[in-house]
Amino acid sequence: MARTVVIRRLLGKQLKMPLVALVESVNPGCMAHAADISVFGFGRDDAGAVEVLKRGIESICPGEEFLDLRTTIHRMVLPENLMAGQEREAQTITAQGGAP
């Protein structure tokens, strides 16, 4: 029977939307995978399989051959300072002569 695991952090950062992974029992151990991502994690238990899945996703993000997946994962990462982005947007509007 498959179990659902929610991954909230990748690349050492919080995700905008959680990544949902399914963990299934396989002989021997467990396998974790997420929809639309062709990376799998295998481990002795659920936690081990999820950790291997996370490391696998993180390891392919720098690779050029997985540019689409890397872009998808990076879009899911929250900016470190949300207020900084809002301040830049307000400054841009003000500089263009509009109301902040």
C-alpha atoms as a PDB file:
ATOM      1  CA  MET A   1       0.000   0.000   0.000  1.00  0.00           C
ATOM      2  CA  ALA A   2       1.378   3.421  -1.013  1.00  0.00           C
ATOM      3  CA  ARG A   3       1.876   6.138   1.573  1.00  0.00           C
ATOM      4  CA  THR A   4       1.958   9.867   0.851  1.00  0.00           C
ATOM      5  CA  VAL A   5       4.841  12.010   2.093  1.00  0.00           C
ATOM      6  CA  VAL A   6       4.978  15.793   1.803  1.00  0.00           C
ATOM      7  CA  ILE A   7       8.406  17.311   1.060  1.00  0.00           C
ATOM      8  CA  ARG A   8       8.592  20.951   2.123  1.00  0.00           C
ATOM      9  CA  ARG A   9      12.318  21.635   1.708  1.00  0.00           C
ATOM     10  CA  LEU A  10      14.750  21.064  -1.164  1.00  0.00           C
ATOM     11  CA  LEU A  11      18.148  22.594  -1.882  1.00  0.00           C
ATOM     12  CA  GLY A  12      18.193  23.743   1.748  1.00  0.00           C
ATOM     13  CA  LYS A  13      15.240  26.059   1.120  1.00  0.00           C
ATOM     14  CA  GLN A  14      11.517  25.972   1.744  1.00  0.00           C
ATOM     15  CA  LEU A  15       9.304  25.209  -1.259  1.00  0.00           C
ATOM     16  CA  LYS A  16       6.444  27.531  -2.303  1.00  0.00           C
ATOM     17  CA  MET A  17       4.253  24.482  -2.723  1.00  0.00           C
ATOM     18  CA  PRO A  18       5.030  21.138  -1.161  1.00  0.00           C
ATOM     19  CA  LEU A  19       6.220  18.279  -3.323  1.00  0.00           C
ATOM     20  CA  VAL A  20       4.068  15.207  -2.749  1.00  0.00           C
ATOM     21  CA  ALA A  21       5.838  11.872  -2.982  1.00  0.00           C
ATOM     22  CA  LEU A  22       4.450   8.362  -2.846  1.00  0.00           C
ATOM     23  CA  VAL A  23       6.324   5.723  -0.883  1.00  0.00           C
ATOM     24  CA  GLU A  24       5.653   2.104  -1.758  1.00  0.00           C
ATOM     25  CA  SER A  25       6.934  -1.138  -0.321  1.00  0.00           C
ATOM     26  CA  VAL A  26       9.168  -3.082  -2.677  1.00  0.00           C
ATOM     27  CA  ASN A  27      11.077  -6.262  -1.998  1.00  0.00           C
ATOM     28  CA  PRO A  28      13.318  -5.495  -0.160  1.00  0.00           C
ATOM     29  CA  GLY A  29      12.728  -2.010   1.241  1.00  0.00           C
ATOM     30  CA  CYS A  30      10.797   1.015  -0.003  1.00  0.00           C
ATOM     31  CA  MET A  31      10.680   3.194  -3.112  1.00  0.00           C
ATOM     32  CA  ALA A  32       9.721   6.906  -3.173  1.00  0.00           C
ATOM     33  CA  HIS A  33       8.750   8.898  -6.250  1.00  0.00           C
ATOM     34  CA  ALA A  34       6.909  12.115  -7.111  1.00  0.00           C
ATOM     35  CA  ALA A  35       4.555  12.738 -10.020  1.00  0.00           C
ATOM     36  CA  ASP A  36       6.139  14.292 -13.128  1.00  0.00           C
ATOM     37  CA  ILE A  37       9.691  13.803 -11.800  1.00  0.00           C
ATOM     38  CA  SER A  38      11.653  10.892 -13.209  1.00  0.00           C
ATOM     39  CA  VAL A  39      13.758  10.365 -10.080  1.00  0.00           C
ATOM     40  CA  PHE A  40      13.223   7.561  -7.599  1.00  0.00           C
ATOM     41  CA  GLY A  41      14.563   6.934  -4.121  1.00  0.00           C
ATOM     42  CA  PHE A  42      15.161   3.492  -2.654  1.00  0.00           C
ATOM     43  CA  GLY A  43      15.779   2.796   1.027  1.00  0.00           C
ATOM     44  CA  ARG A  44      15.283   0.257   3.787  1.00  0.00           C
ATOM     45  CA  ASP A  45      12.294   2.228   5.121  1.00  0.00           C
ATOM     46  CA  ASP A  46      10.043   5.169   4.176  1.00  0.00           C
ATOM     47  CA  ALA A  47      12.362   7.815   5.620  1.00  0.00           C
ATOM     48  CA  GLY A  48      15.409   6.366   3.855  1.00  0.00           C
ATOM     49  CA  ALA A  49      13.614   6.237   0.504  1.00  0.00           C
ATOM     50  CA  VAL A  50      12.417   9.854   0.846  1.00  0.00           C
ATOM     51  CA  GLU A  51      15.923  11.066   1.753  1.00  0.00           C
ATOM     52  CA  VAL A  52      17.400   9.333  -1.298  1.00  0.00           C
ATOM     53  CA  LEU A  53      14.643  10.867  -3.460  1.00  0.00           C
ATOM     54  CA  LYS A  54      15.400  14.352  -2.105  1.00  0.00           C
ATOM     55  CA  ARG A  55      19.156  13.936  -2.658  1.00  0.00           C
ATOM     56  CA  GLY A  56      18.497  12.653  -6.171  1.00  0.00           C
ATOM     57  CA  ILE A  57      16.365  15.664  -7.069  1.00  0.00           C
ATOM     58  CA  GLU A  58      18.880  18.069  -5.546  1.00  0.00           C
ATOM     59  CA  SER A  59      21.806  16.422  -7.344  1.00  0.00           C
ATOM     60  CA  ILE A  60      20.272  16.812 -10.806  1.00  0.00           C
ATOM     61  CA  CYS A  61      19.319  20.461 -10.368  1.00  0.00           C
ATOM     62  CA  PRO A  62      22.829  21.715 -11.336  1.00  0.00           C
ATOM     63  CA  GLY A  63      22.979  19.439 -14.430  1.00  0.00           C
ATOM     64  CA  GLU A  64      22.202  20.974 -17.832  1.00  0.00           C
ATOM     65  CA  GLU A  65      20.636  17.757 -19.126  1.00  0.00           C
ATOM     66  CA  PHE A  66      17.758  18.216 -16.678  1.00  0.00           C
ATOM     67  CA  LEU A  67      17.112  21.908 -17.362  1.00  0.00           C
ATOM     68  CA  ASP A  68      13.302  21.591 -17.355  1.00  0.00           C
ATOM     69  CA  LEU A  69      13.227  19.735 -14.030  1.00  0.00           C
ATOM     70  CA  ARG A  70      15.752  22.137 -12.522  1.00  0.00           C
ATOM     71  CA  THR A  71      13.595  25.098 -13.587  1.00  0.00           C
ATOM     72  CA  THR A  72      10.508  23.449 -12.092  1.00  0.00           C
ATOM     73  CA  ILE A  73      12.249  22.810  -8.762  1.00  0.00           C
ATOM     74  CA  HIS A  74      13.720  26.323  -8.608  1.00  0.00           C
ATOM     75  CA  ARG A  75      10.260  27.805  -9.240  1.00  0.00           C
ATOM     76  CA  MET A  76       9.055  25.905  -6.184  1.00  0.00           C
ATOM     77  CA  VAL A  77      11.714  27.431  -3.888  1.00  0.00           C
ATOM     78  CA  LEU A  78      10.548  30.383  -1.803  1.00  0.00           C
ATOM     79  CA  PRO A  79      12.629  33.551  -2.109  1.00  0.00           C
ATOM     80  CA  GLU A  80      14.693  34.038   1.032  1.00  0.00           C
ATOM     81  CA  ASN A  81      13.303  37.507   1.697  1.00  0.00           C
ATOM     82  CA  LEU A  82       9.782  38.013   0.411  1.00  0.00           C
ATOM     83  CA  MET A  83       9.709  41.628   1.618  1.00  0.00           C
ATOM     84  CA  ALA A  84      12.784  42.501  -0.447  1.00  0.00           C
ATOM     85  CA  GLY A  85      10.901  41.544  -3.610  1.00  0.00           C
ATOM     86  CA  GLN A  86       7.891  43.617  -2.585  1.00  0.00           C
ATOM     87  CA  GLU A  87      10.119  46.600  -1.798  1.00  0.00           C
ATOM     88  CA  ARG A  88      11.811  46.341  -5.213  1.00  0.00           C
ATOM     89  CA  GLU A  89       8.400  46.191  -6.897  1.00  0.00           C
ATOM     90  CA  ALA A  90       7.218  49.291  -5.013  1.00  0.00           C
ATOM     91  CA  GLN A  91      10.439  51.158  -5.913  1.00  0.00           C
ATOM     92  CA  THR A  92      10.011  50.220  -9.587  1.00  0.00           C
ATOM     93  CA  ILE A  93       6.418  51.490  -9.642  1.00  0.00           C
ATOM     94  CA  THR A  94       7.444  54.703  -7.889  1.00  0.00           C
ATOM     95  CA  ALA A  95      10.370  55.225 -10.277  1.00  0.00           C
ATOM     96  CA  GLN A  96       7.974  54.820 -13.215  1.00  0.00           C
ATOM     97  CA  GLY A  97       5.752  57.569 -11.802  1.00  0.00           C
ATOM     98  CA  GLY A  98       2.972  55.310 -10.523  1.00  0.00           C
ATOM     99  CA  ALA A  99       1.517  54.919  -7.054  1.00  0.00           C
ATOM    100  CA  PRO A 100       3.228  52.305  -4.836  1.00  0.00           C
END
